[in-house]
Amino acid sequence: MPRPIGAKPAILQAAAIPMRNGLIGLVTSRRRQRWVLPKGRIETGQTPDEAARAEAWEEGGWLGPVEADPLGSFEYAKFGRRHVVAVHAMIVEHELPKWPEASIRRRQWVSLDEAICRLDVAELKAILGSLAFAEAA
């Protein structure tokens, strides 16, 4: 669908689903301290999977490979702008004791079912639900 004349382009973001030993890594948001996945803007020259990897390190102190192909995507509006988020799987190989946003975020490992319960975005819950389906197959 074409963008209306004068409308600003969507802000492109990427999120990581940090995974380790059958658990999902969640972090708290900056302001409301609700549980979220590491997510942020895709910077110029970055691929979505590189952005997801960077956000996982900055927000949760997690390092490891990120799948190049997204598991899915979702959209939301914030400050009158449309945001489109590509969601990538990440296998956490290292969890650092110190990370850039450690002073403003908490992190926690939870089961897949608990992660689905804690997240607010329906499309994100569906993406995580597809992981449960893949594990069962």
C-alpha atoms as a PDB file:
ATOM      1  CA  MET A   1       0.000   0.000   0.000  1.00  0.00           C
ATOM      2  CA  PRO A   2       1.557   3.348  -0.986  1.00  0.00           C
ATOM      3  CA  ARG A   3       2.405   5.841   1.704  1.00  0.00           C
ATOM      4  CA  PRO A   4       0.120   8.915   1.795  1.00  0.00           C
ATOM      5  CA  ILE A   5       1.702  12.073   0.398  1.00  0.00           C
ATOM      6  CA  GLY A   6       3.526  13.918   3.156  1.00  0.00           C
ATOM      7  CA  ALA A   7       3.545  10.892   5.495  1.00  0.00           C
ATOM      8  CA  LYS A   8       6.850  10.080   7.110  1.00  0.00           C
ATOM      9  CA  PRO A   9       8.388   6.692   6.330  1.00  0.00           C
ATOM     10  CA  ALA A  10       8.164   3.966   8.957  1.00  0.00           C
ATOM     11  CA  ILE A  11      10.953   3.665  11.495  1.00  0.00           C
ATOM     12  CA  LEU A  12      12.639   0.285  10.974  1.00  0.00           C
ATOM     13  CA  GLN A  13      13.632  -1.652  14.067  1.00  0.00           C
ATOM     14  CA  ALA A  14      14.885  -5.122  14.948  1.00  0.00           C
ATOM     15  CA  ALA A  15      14.313  -7.289  18.001  1.00  0.00           C
ATOM     16  CA  ALA A  16      16.114 -10.359  19.284  1.00  0.00           C
ATOM     17  CA  ILE A  17      14.583 -13.401  20.926  1.00  0.00           C
ATOM     18  CA  PRO A  18      17.510 -14.468  23.140  1.00  0.00           C
ATOM     19  CA  MET A  19      17.380 -18.244  23.718  1.00  0.00           C
ATOM     20  CA  ARG A  20      19.450 -20.537  25.923  1.00  0.00           C
ATOM     21  CA  ASN A  21      18.735 -24.003  27.328  1.00  0.00           C
ATOM     22  CA  GLY A  22      15.086 -23.847  26.317  1.00  0.00           C
ATOM     23  CA  LEU A  23      14.556 -20.471  28.006  1.00  0.00           C
ATOM     24  CA  ILE A  24      13.822 -16.996  26.629  1.00  0.00           C
ATOM     25  CA  GLY A  25      15.696 -13.884  27.793  1.00  0.00           C
ATOM     26  CA  LEU A  26      13.587 -10.842  28.619  1.00  0.00           C
ATOM     27  CA  VAL A  27      14.618  -7.352  29.722  1.00  0.00           C
ATOM     28  CA  THR A  28      12.650  -4.568  31.340  1.00  0.00           C
ATOM     29  CA  SER A  29      11.673  -1.477  29.388  1.00  0.00           C
ATOM     30  CA  ARG A  30      13.319   1.818  30.349  1.00  0.00           C
ATOM     31  CA  ARG A  31      10.333   3.772  31.578  1.00  0.00           C
ATOM     32  CA  ARG A  32       7.534   1.431  32.607  1.00  0.00           C
ATOM     33  CA  GLN A  33       9.745  -1.497  33.643  1.00  0.00           C
ATOM     34  CA  ARG A  34       7.522  -3.994  31.808  1.00  0.00           C
ATOM     35  CA  TRP A  35       9.049  -7.153  30.329  1.00  0.00           C
ATOM     36  CA  VAL A  36      10.093  -6.854  26.665  1.00  0.00           C
ATOM     37  CA  LEU A  37      12.525  -8.296  24.140  1.00  0.00           C
ATOM     38  CA  PRO A  38      15.677  -6.337  23.288  1.00  0.00           C
ATOM     39  CA  LYS A  39      14.659  -4.052  20.418  1.00  0.00           C
ATOM     40  CA  GLY A  40      15.898  -0.910  18.701  1.00  0.00           C
ATOM     41  CA  ARG A  41      16.337   1.081  15.542  1.00  0.00           C
ATOM     42  CA  ILE A  42      18.234  -0.305  12.566  1.00  0.00           C
ATOM     43  CA  GLU A  43      21.024   2.196  12.010  1.00  0.00           C
ATOM     44  CA  THR A  44      22.331   3.218   8.584  1.00  0.00           C
ATOM     45  CA  GLY A  45      24.607   0.502   7.225  1.00  0.00           C
ATOM     46  CA  GLN A  46      23.282  -2.143   9.638  1.00  0.00           C
ATOM     47  CA  THR A  47      21.350  -5.235   8.636  1.00  0.00           C
ATOM     48  CA  PRO A  48      18.321  -6.142  10.777  1.00  0.00           C
ATOM     49  CA  ASP A  49      20.114  -9.137  12.322  1.00  0.00           C
ATOM     50  CA  GLU A  50      23.128  -6.938  13.176  1.00  0.00           C
ATOM     51  CA  ALA A  51      20.770  -4.459  14.862  1.00  0.00           C
ATOM     52  CA  ALA A  52      19.087  -7.274  16.824  1.00  0.00           C
ATOM     53  CA  ARG A  53      22.504  -8.548  17.971  1.00  0.00           C
ATOM     54  CA  ALA A  54      23.544  -5.038  19.055  1.00  0.00           C
ATOM     55  CA  GLU A  55      20.312  -4.508  21.022  1.00  0.00           C
ATOM     56  CA  ALA A  56      20.680  -7.861  22.819  1.00  0.00           C
ATOM     57  CA  TRP A  57      24.165  -6.822  23.958  1.00  0.00           C
ATOM     58  CA  GLU A  58      23.222  -3.239  24.907  1.00  0.00           C
ATOM     59  CA  GLU A  59      19.980  -4.087  26.716  1.00  0.00           C
ATOM     60  CA  GLY A  60      20.705  -7.547  28.154  1.00  0.00           C
ATOM     61  CA  GLY A  61      24.435  -8.235  27.977  1.00  0.00           C
ATOM     62  CA  TRP A  62      23.875 -11.235  25.706  1.00  0.00           C
ATOM     63  CA  LEU A  63      26.250 -12.333  22.934  1.00  0.00           C
ATOM     64  CA  GLY A  64      25.776 -14.985  20.286  1.00  0.00           C
ATOM     65  CA  PRO A  65      24.688 -15.645  16.722  1.00  0.00           C
ATOM     66  CA  VAL A  66      21.476 -14.132  15.375  1.00  0.00           C
ATOM     67  CA  GLU A  67      19.522 -15.703  12.531  1.00  0.00           C
ATOM     68  CA  ALA A  68      19.658 -13.566   9.375  1.00  0.00           C
ATOM     69  CA  ASP A  69      16.065 -14.371   8.410  1.00  0.00           C
ATOM     70  CA  PRO A  70      13.439 -12.932  10.764  1.00  0.00           C
ATOM     71  CA  LEU A  71      10.877 -15.206  12.405  1.00  0.00           C
ATOM     72  CA  GLY A  72       8.266 -12.540  11.758  1.00  0.00           C
ATOM     73  CA  SER A  73       7.520  -8.864  12.231  1.00  0.00           C
ATOM     74  CA  PHE A  74       5.052  -6.537  13.892  1.00  0.00           C
ATOM     75  CA  GLU A  75       4.091  -2.877  13.736  1.00  0.00           C
ATOM     76  CA  TYR A  76       3.191  -0.287  16.334  1.00  0.00           C
ATOM     77  CA  ALA A  77       2.710   3.472  16.548  1.00  0.00           C
ATOM     78  CA  LYS A  78       4.700   5.719  18.884  1.00  0.00           C
ATOM     79  CA  PHE A  79       4.883   9.501  18.915  1.00  0.00           C
ATOM     80  CA  GLY A  80       2.708   9.577  15.792  1.00  0.00           C
ATOM     81  CA  ARG A  81       5.120   7.419  13.784  1.00  0.00           C
ATOM     82  CA  ARG A  82       4.728   3.914  12.459  1.00  0.00           C
ATOM     83  CA  HIS A  83       7.428   1.476  13.601  1.00  0.00           C
ATOM     84  CA  VAL A  84       8.079  -1.846  11.841  1.00  0.00           C
ATOM     85  CA  VAL A  85      10.026  -4.436  13.839  1.00  0.00           C
ATOM     86  CA  ALA A  86      11.756  -7.523  12.389  1.00  0.00           C
ATOM     87  CA  VAL A  87      12.082 -10.251  15.048  1.00  0.00           C
ATOM     88  CA  HIS A  88      15.166 -12.504  14.950  1.00  0.00           C
ATOM     89  CA  ALA A  89      16.091 -15.653  16.880  1.00  0.00           C
ATOM     90  CA  MET A  90      19.343 -15.484  18.842  1.00  0.00           C
ATOM     91  CA  ILE A  91      21.289 -18.298  20.486  1.00  0.00           C
ATOM     92  CA  VAL A  92      22.998 -16.833  23.562  1.00  0.00           C
ATOM     93  CA  GLU A  93      26.524 -18.152  23.994  1.00  0.00           C
ATOM     94  CA  HIS A  94      27.730 -15.617  26.576  1.00  0.00           C
ATOM     95  CA  GLU A  95      25.971 -13.579  29.254  1.00  0.00           C
ATOM     96  CA  LEU A  96      28.111 -10.690  30.442  1.00  0.00           C
ATOM     97  CA  PRO A  97      28.042  -9.572  34.104  1.00  0.00           C
ATOM     98  CA  LYS A  98      28.192  -5.914  32.981  1.00  0.00           C
ATOM     99  CA  TRP A  99      26.535  -4.390  29.928  1.00  0.00           C
ATOM    100  CA  PRO A 100      25.735  -0.858  28.651  1.00  0.00           C
ATOM    101  CA  GLU A 101      22.178  -0.574  30.036  1.00  0.00           C
ATOM    102  CA  ALA A 102      22.614  -2.648  33.203  1.00  0.00           C
ATOM    103  CA  SER A 103      21.857   0.378  35.382  1.00  0.00           C
ATOM    104  CA  ILE A 104      18.409   0.935  33.813  1.00  0.00           C
ATOM    105  CA  ARG A 105      17.248  -2.581  32.889  1.00  0.00           C
ATOM    106  CA  ARG A 106      16.812  -5.942  34.567  1.00  0.00           C
ATOM    107  CA  ARG A 107      17.101  -9.211  32.664  1.00  0.00           C
ATOM    108  CA  GLN A 108      15.592 -12.600  33.350  1.00  0.00           C
ATOM    109  CA  TRP A 109      15.425 -16.070  31.804  1.00  0.00           C
ATOM    110  CA  VAL A 110      11.911 -17.514  31.634  1.00  0.00           C
ATOM    111  CA  SER A 111      10.134 -20.427  29.990  1.00  0.00           C
ATOM    112  CA  LEU A 112       8.606 -19.897  26.570  1.00  0.00           C
ATOM    113  CA  ASP A 113       5.093 -20.013  28.060  1.00  0.00           C
ATOM    114  CA  GLU A 114       6.055 -17.421  30.703  1.00  0.00           C
ATOM    115  CA  ALA A 115       7.605 -15.149  28.038  1.00  0.00           C
ATOM    116  CA  ILE A 116       4.371 -15.296  26.029  1.00  0.00           C
ATOM    117  CA  CYS A 117       2.386 -14.373  29.159  1.00  0.00           C
ATOM    118  CA  ARG A 118       4.650 -11.436  30.076  1.00  0.00           C
ATOM    119  CA  LEU A 119       4.791  -9.739  26.667  1.00  0.00           C
ATOM    120  CA  ASP A 120       2.115  -7.192  25.704  1.00  0.00           C
ATOM    121  CA  VAL A 121       2.196  -7.285  21.886  1.00  0.00           C
ATOM    122  CA  ALA A 122      -0.191  -9.863  20.369  1.00  0.00           C
ATOM    123  CA  GLU A 123       1.875 -10.273  17.179  1.00  0.00           C
ATOM    124  CA  LEU A 124       4.991 -10.900  19.266  1.00  0.00           C
ATOM    125  CA  LYS A 125       3.142 -13.501  21.340  1.00  0.00           C
ATOM    126  CA  ALA A 126       2.188 -15.222  18.055  1.00  0.00           C
ATOM    127  CA  ILE A 127       5.816 -15.238  16.875  1.00  0.00           C
ATOM    128  CA  LEU A 128       6.881 -16.824  20.165  1.00  0.00           C
ATOM    129  CA  GLY A 129       3.971 -19.248  19.876  1.00  0.00           C
ATOM    130  CA  SER A 130       5.361 -20.392  16.530  1.00  0.00           C
ATOM    131  CA  LEU A 131       8.580 -21.339  18.379  1.00  0.00           C
ATOM    132  CA  ALA A 132       6.534 -23.597  20.681  1.00  0.00           C
ATOM    133  CA  PHE A 133       4.920 -25.197  17.629  1.00  0.00           C
ATOM    134  CA  ALA A 134       8.335 -25.743  16.006  1.00  0.00           C
ATOM    135  CA  GLU A 135       9.690 -27.372  19.181  1.00  0.00           C
ATOM    136  CA  ALA A 136       6.701 -29.736  19.328  1.00  0.00           C
ATOM    137  CA  ALA A 137       7.081 -30.826  15.680  1.00  0.00           C
END
